[in-house]
């Protein structure tokens, strides 16, 4: 399936399944917006994602914290 120019939002994009989903969606043409708690690991994920999707972005956010989530989507 192709996701060219579709925006996908992925939580937990700094590692594990979330990171792999971000990389896979980017390889299919999606613009990936990911979030996670570890800024360092998000930067590493973003490098991989941007190989195929240069417009993608990562945001530091703990989704268990409602205030952080509100700030992220505001």
C-alpha atoms as a PDB file:
ATOM      1  CA  UNK A   1       0.000   0.000   0.000  1.00  0.00           C
ATOM      2  CA  UNK A   2       1.285   3.480  -0.853  1.00  0.00           C
ATOM      3  CA  UNK A   3       0.950   6.412   1.515  1.00  0.00           C
ATOM      4  CA  UNK A   4       2.451   9.104  -0.728  1.00  0.00           C
ATOM      5  CA  UNK A   5       1.963  12.539   0.844  1.00  0.00           C
ATOM      6  CA  UNK A   6      -0.341  11.175   3.559  1.00  0.00           C
ATOM      7  CA  UNK A   7       0.471  12.275   7.102  1.00  0.00           C
ATOM      8  CA  UNK A   8       0.705   9.568   9.750  1.00  0.00           C
ATOM      9  CA  UNK A   9       1.083  10.197  13.481  1.00  0.00           C
ATOM     10  CA  UNK A  10       2.929   7.561  15.488  1.00  0.00           C
ATOM     11  CA  UNK A  11       3.364   7.411  19.248  1.00  0.00           C
ATOM     12  CA  UNK A  12       6.402   5.643  20.648  1.00  0.00           C
ATOM     13  CA  UNK A  13       8.402   6.511  17.531  1.00  0.00           C
ATOM     14  CA  UNK A  14      11.713   6.569  19.409  1.00  0.00           C
ATOM     15  CA  UNK A  15      12.115   2.790  19.629  1.00  0.00           C
ATOM     16  CA  UNK A  16      10.673  -0.642  19.026  1.00  0.00           C
ATOM     17  CA  UNK A  17       7.474  -1.113  17.062  1.00  0.00           C
ATOM     18  CA  UNK A  18       6.778   2.630  16.905  1.00  0.00           C
ATOM     19  CA  UNK A  19      10.165   3.345  15.365  1.00  0.00           C
ATOM     20  CA  UNK A  20       9.784   0.536  12.844  1.00  0.00           C
ATOM     21  CA  UNK A  21       6.321   1.770  11.883  1.00  0.00           C
ATOM     22  CA  UNK A  22       7.736   5.266  11.336  1.00  0.00           C
ATOM     23  CA  UNK A  23      10.509   3.927   9.097  1.00  0.00           C
ATOM     24  CA  UNK A  24       8.101   1.680   7.166  1.00  0.00           C
ATOM     25  CA  UNK A  25       5.510   4.418   6.586  1.00  0.00           C
ATOM     26  CA  UNK A  26       8.259   6.784   5.409  1.00  0.00           C
ATOM     27  CA  UNK A  27       9.501   4.155   2.960  1.00  0.00           C
ATOM     28  CA  UNK A  28       5.976   4.047   1.513  1.00  0.00           C
ATOM     29  CA  UNK A  29       5.933   7.811   0.946  1.00  0.00           C
ATOM     30  CA  UNK A  30       4.170   9.018   4.087  1.00  0.00           C
ATOM     31  CA  UNK A  31       5.040  12.181   5.956  1.00  0.00           C
ATOM     32  CA  UNK A  32       5.667  10.900   9.471  1.00  0.00           C
ATOM     33  CA  UNK A  33       4.996  12.863  12.642  1.00  0.00           C
ATOM     34  CA  UNK A  34       6.212  10.843  15.581  1.00  0.00           C
ATOM     35  CA  UNK A  35       6.384  11.399  19.293  1.00  0.00           C
ATOM     36  CA  UNK A  36       8.190   9.782  22.175  1.00  0.00           C
ATOM     37  CA  UNK A  37       9.768  10.506  25.529  1.00  0.00           C
ATOM     38  CA  UNK A  38      13.449  10.240  24.604  1.00  0.00           C
ATOM     39  CA  UNK A  39      14.623  13.227  22.573  1.00  0.00           C
ATOM     40  CA  UNK A  40      17.958  11.514  21.893  1.00  0.00           C
ATOM     41  CA  UNK A  41      16.299   8.422  20.444  1.00  0.00           C
ATOM     42  CA  UNK A  42      13.762  10.520  18.532  1.00  0.00           C
ATOM     43  CA  UNK A  43      16.636  12.319  16.800  1.00  0.00           C
ATOM     44  CA  UNK A  44      18.067   8.932  15.772  1.00  0.00           C
ATOM     45  CA  UNK A  45      14.662   7.796  14.506  1.00  0.00           C
ATOM     46  CA  UNK A  46      14.206  11.032  12.591  1.00  0.00           C
ATOM     47  CA  UNK A  47      17.507  10.535  10.748  1.00  0.00           C
ATOM     48  CA  UNK A  48      16.292   7.146   9.522  1.00  0.00           C
ATOM     49  CA  UNK A  49      12.810   8.384   8.635  1.00  0.00           C
ATOM     50  CA  UNK A  50      14.080  11.421   6.728  1.00  0.00           C
ATOM     51  CA  UNK A  51      16.069   9.227   4.346  1.00  0.00           C
ATOM     52  CA  UNK A  52      12.742   8.545   2.625  1.00  0.00           C
ATOM     53  CA  UNK A  53      10.571  11.352   3.976  1.00  0.00           C
ATOM     54  CA  UNK A  54      12.464  14.641   4.406  1.00  0.00           C
ATOM     55  CA  UNK A  55       9.360  16.538   5.590  1.00  0.00           C
ATOM     56  CA  UNK A  56       8.854  14.265   8.601  1.00  0.00           C
ATOM     57  CA  UNK A  57       9.171  15.488  12.191  1.00  0.00           C
ATOM     58  CA  UNK A  58       9.489  14.118  15.713  1.00  0.00           C
ATOM     59  CA  UNK A  59       8.135  15.701  18.897  1.00  0.00           C
ATOM     60  CA  UNK A  60       9.163  14.988  22.469  1.00  0.00           C
ATOM     61  CA  UNK A  61       6.043  14.083  24.429  1.00  0.00           C
ATOM     62  CA  UNK A  62       4.947  11.650  27.128  1.00  0.00           C
ATOM     63  CA  UNK A  63       1.453  10.612  26.003  1.00  0.00           C
ATOM     64  CA  UNK A  64       0.559   9.576  29.563  1.00  0.00           C
ATOM     65  CA  UNK A  65       0.751  13.289  30.512  1.00  0.00           C
ATOM     66  CA  UNK A  66      -2.394  15.095  29.321  1.00  0.00           C
ATOM     67  CA  UNK A  67      -0.758  18.539  29.508  1.00  0.00           C
ATOM     68  CA  UNK A  68       2.101  17.428  27.267  1.00  0.00           C
ATOM     69  CA  UNK A  69      -0.355  15.981  24.762  1.00  0.00           C
ATOM     70  CA  UNK A  70      -2.357  19.215  24.713  1.00  0.00           C
ATOM     71  CA  UNK A  71       0.849  21.163  24.133  1.00  0.00           C
ATOM     72  CA  UNK A  72       1.900  18.833  21.356  1.00  0.00           C
ATOM     73  CA  UNK A  73      -1.309  19.198  19.357  1.00  0.00           C
ATOM     74  CA  UNK A  74      -1.920  22.896  20.062  1.00  0.00           C
END
